[in-house]
Amino acid sequence: MPRTSPIGSSRLRRELRVLESKAAAGEVAIAVTSAAMRVCGGAAFSKHLAIERLFRDAHAGTVMAPTGNVLRDFIGKPFWEYRCSRDDARAN
């Protein structure tokens, strides 16, 4: 059986990279701002450092559409469909 890519078109590959980047950026933003809050302690809540705003904005991304979970569903769907179609082809 010839091996084919689950994401054949270059447009789909670009779109998946954008979604992957957005999901990863959201996760990294939460990790970085959480670490900054721990490092700065109580001073992190001061308005002059802007850490509290960045922390709030990073966490807001987890509830604003599309959320990281929805993005991962979009990213995984072509691979899941490819696997299912490959399994169906083997069964026939």
C-alpha atoms as a PDB file:
ATOM      1  CA  MET A   1       0.000   0.000   0.000  1.00  0.00           C
ATOM      2  CA  PRO A   2       1.543   3.367  -0.973  1.00  0.00           C
ATOM      3  CA  ARG A   3       2.212   5.736   1.842  1.00  0.00           C
ATOM      4  CA  THR A   4       0.291   9.009   1.609  1.00  0.00           C
ATOM      5  CA  SER A   5       0.336  12.040   3.828  1.00  0.00           C
ATOM      6  CA  PRO A   6      -2.628  12.663   6.138  1.00  0.00           C
ATOM      7  CA  ILE A   7      -2.306  16.344   5.283  1.00  0.00           C
ATOM      8  CA  GLY A   8      -1.905  16.350   1.540  1.00  0.00           C
ATOM      9  CA  SER A   9      -2.492  19.948   0.509  1.00  0.00           C
ATOM     10  CA  SER A  10       0.021  22.664   1.232  1.00  0.00           C
ATOM     11  CA  ARG A  11      -2.803  24.997   2.282  1.00  0.00           C
ATOM     12  CA  LEU A  12      -3.956  22.529   4.928  1.00  0.00           C
ATOM     13  CA  ARG A  13      -0.366  22.150   6.169  1.00  0.00           C
ATOM     14  CA  ARG A  14      -0.060  25.936   6.522  1.00  0.00           C
ATOM     15  CA  GLU A  15      -3.378  26.177   8.345  1.00  0.00           C
ATOM     16  CA  LEU A  16      -2.383  23.394  10.736  1.00  0.00           C
ATOM     17  CA  ARG A  17       0.934  25.143  11.457  1.00  0.00           C
ATOM     18  CA  VAL A  18      -0.932  28.344  12.314  1.00  0.00           C
ATOM     19  CA  LEU A  19      -3.260  26.454  14.661  1.00  0.00           C
ATOM     20  CA  GLU A  20      -0.324  24.600  16.240  1.00  0.00           C
ATOM     21  CA  SER A  21       1.489  27.905  16.755  1.00  0.00           C
ATOM     22  CA  LYS A  22      -1.534  29.516  18.401  1.00  0.00           C
ATOM     23  CA  ALA A  23      -2.046  26.556  20.743  1.00  0.00           C
ATOM     24  CA  ALA A  24       1.641  26.440  21.679  1.00  0.00           C
ATOM     25  CA  ALA A  25       1.853  30.209  22.165  1.00  0.00           C
ATOM     26  CA  GLY A  26      -1.109  30.135  24.536  1.00  0.00           C
ATOM     27  CA  GLU A  27       0.446  27.377  26.627  1.00  0.00           C
ATOM     28  CA  VAL A  28       3.828  29.106  26.748  1.00  0.00           C
ATOM     29  CA  ALA A  29       2.242  32.454  27.662  1.00  0.00           C
ATOM     30  CA  ILE A  30       0.549  30.850  30.667  1.00  0.00           C
ATOM     31  CA  ALA A  31       3.755  29.116  31.770  1.00  0.00           C
ATOM     32  CA  VAL A  32       5.897  32.245  31.412  1.00  0.00           C
ATOM     33  CA  THR A  33       3.474  34.611  33.112  1.00  0.00           C
ATOM     34  CA  SER A  34       2.866  32.121  35.935  1.00  0.00           C
ATOM     35  CA  ALA A  35       6.621  31.882  36.500  1.00  0.00           C
ATOM     36  CA  ALA A  36       6.892  35.693  36.454  1.00  0.00           C
ATOM     37  CA  MET A  37       4.140  35.943  39.060  1.00  0.00           C
ATOM     38  CA  ARG A  38       5.972  33.468  41.314  1.00  0.00           C
ATOM     39  CA  VAL A  39       9.314  35.248  40.890  1.00  0.00           C
ATOM     40  CA  CYS A  40       7.913  38.706  41.577  1.00  0.00           C
ATOM     41  CA  GLY A  41       5.638  37.639  44.411  1.00  0.00           C
ATOM     42  CA  GLY A  42       3.213  40.274  45.643  1.00  0.00           C
ATOM     43  CA  ALA A  43       4.845  42.980  43.525  1.00  0.00           C
ATOM     44  CA  ALA A  44       3.526  41.175  40.429  1.00  0.00           C
ATOM     45  CA  PHE A  45       0.063  42.545  41.226  1.00  0.00           C
ATOM     46  CA  SER A  46       1.331  46.114  40.983  1.00  0.00           C
ATOM     47  CA  LYS A  47       0.092  48.023  37.940  1.00  0.00           C
ATOM     48  CA  HIS A  48       3.545  49.459  37.174  1.00  0.00           C
ATOM     49  CA  LEU A  49       5.057  46.044  36.308  1.00  0.00           C
ATOM     50  CA  ALA A  50       2.353  44.970  33.811  1.00  0.00           C
ATOM     51  CA  ILE A  51       2.824  41.335  34.837  1.00  0.00           C
ATOM     52  CA  GLU A  52      -0.680  41.121  36.235  1.00  0.00           C
ATOM     53  CA  ARG A  53      -2.133  42.283  32.893  1.00  0.00           C
ATOM     54  CA  LEU A  54      -0.017  39.803  30.917  1.00  0.00           C
ATOM     55  CA  PHE A  55      -0.973  37.028  33.343  1.00  0.00           C
ATOM     56  CA  ARG A  56      -4.660  37.925  33.032  1.00  0.00           C
ATOM     57  CA  ASP A  57      -4.467  38.133  29.230  1.00  0.00           C
ATOM     58  CA  ALA A  58      -2.670  34.789  28.956  1.00  0.00           C
ATOM     59  CA  HIS A  59      -5.318  33.072  31.056  1.00  0.00           C
ATOM     60  CA  ALA A  60      -8.124  34.798  29.160  1.00  0.00           C
ATOM     61  CA  GLY A  61      -6.893  32.996  26.061  1.00  0.00           C
ATOM     62  CA  THR A  62      -7.890  29.676  27.599  1.00  0.00           C
ATOM     63  CA  VAL A  63     -11.574  30.600  27.575  1.00  0.00           C
ATOM     64  CA  MET A  64     -11.714  32.691  24.405  1.00  0.00           C
ATOM     65  CA  ALA A  65     -12.549  30.905  21.169  1.00  0.00           C
ATOM     66  CA  PRO A  66     -10.856  28.981  19.786  1.00  0.00           C
ATOM     67  CA  THR A  67      -9.532  27.439  22.995  1.00  0.00           C
ATOM     68  CA  GLY A  68      -6.435  25.274  23.094  1.00  0.00           C
ATOM     69  CA  ASN A  69      -8.544  22.123  23.306  1.00  0.00           C
ATOM     70  CA  VAL A  70     -10.559  23.097  20.232  1.00  0.00           C
ATOM     71  CA  LEU A  71      -7.337  23.913  18.378  1.00  0.00           C
ATOM     72  CA  ARG A  72      -5.917  20.497  19.228  1.00  0.00           C
ATOM     73  CA  ASP A  73      -9.122  18.899  17.924  1.00  0.00           C
ATOM     74  CA  PHE A  74      -8.735  20.796  14.631  1.00  0.00           C
ATOM     75  CA  ILE A  75      -5.079  19.795  14.411  1.00  0.00           C
ATOM     76  CA  GLY A  76      -5.714  16.121  15.162  1.00  0.00           C
ATOM     77  CA  LYS A  77      -8.773  15.648  12.955  1.00  0.00           C
ATOM     78  CA  PRO A  78      -6.919  15.121   9.628  1.00  0.00           C
ATOM     79  CA  PHE A  79      -4.610  12.581  11.246  1.00  0.00           C
ATOM     80  CA  TRP A  80      -7.507  10.724  12.849  1.00  0.00           C
ATOM     81  CA  GLU A  81      -9.430  10.644   9.559  1.00  0.00           C
ATOM     82  CA  TYR A  82      -6.316   9.395   7.784  1.00  0.00           C
ATOM     83  CA  ARG A  83      -5.845   6.615  10.302  1.00  0.00           C
ATOM     84  CA  CYS A  84      -9.489   5.578  10.119  1.00  0.00           C
ATOM     85  CA  SER A  85      -9.443   5.528   6.314  1.00  0.00           C
ATOM     86  CA  ARG A  86      -6.226   3.508   6.367  1.00  0.00           C
ATOM     87  CA  ASP A  87      -7.740   1.010   8.809  1.00  0.00           C
ATOM     88  CA  ASP A  88     -10.854   0.737   6.623  1.00  0.00           C
ATOM     89  CA  ALA A  89      -8.676   0.065   3.563  1.00  0.00           C
ATOM     90  CA  ARG A  90      -6.847  -2.708   5.395  1.00  0.00           C
ATOM     91  CA  ALA A  91     -10.135  -4.320   6.457  1.00  0.00           C
ATOM     92  CA  ASN A  92     -11.367  -4.497   2.849  1.00  0.00           C
END
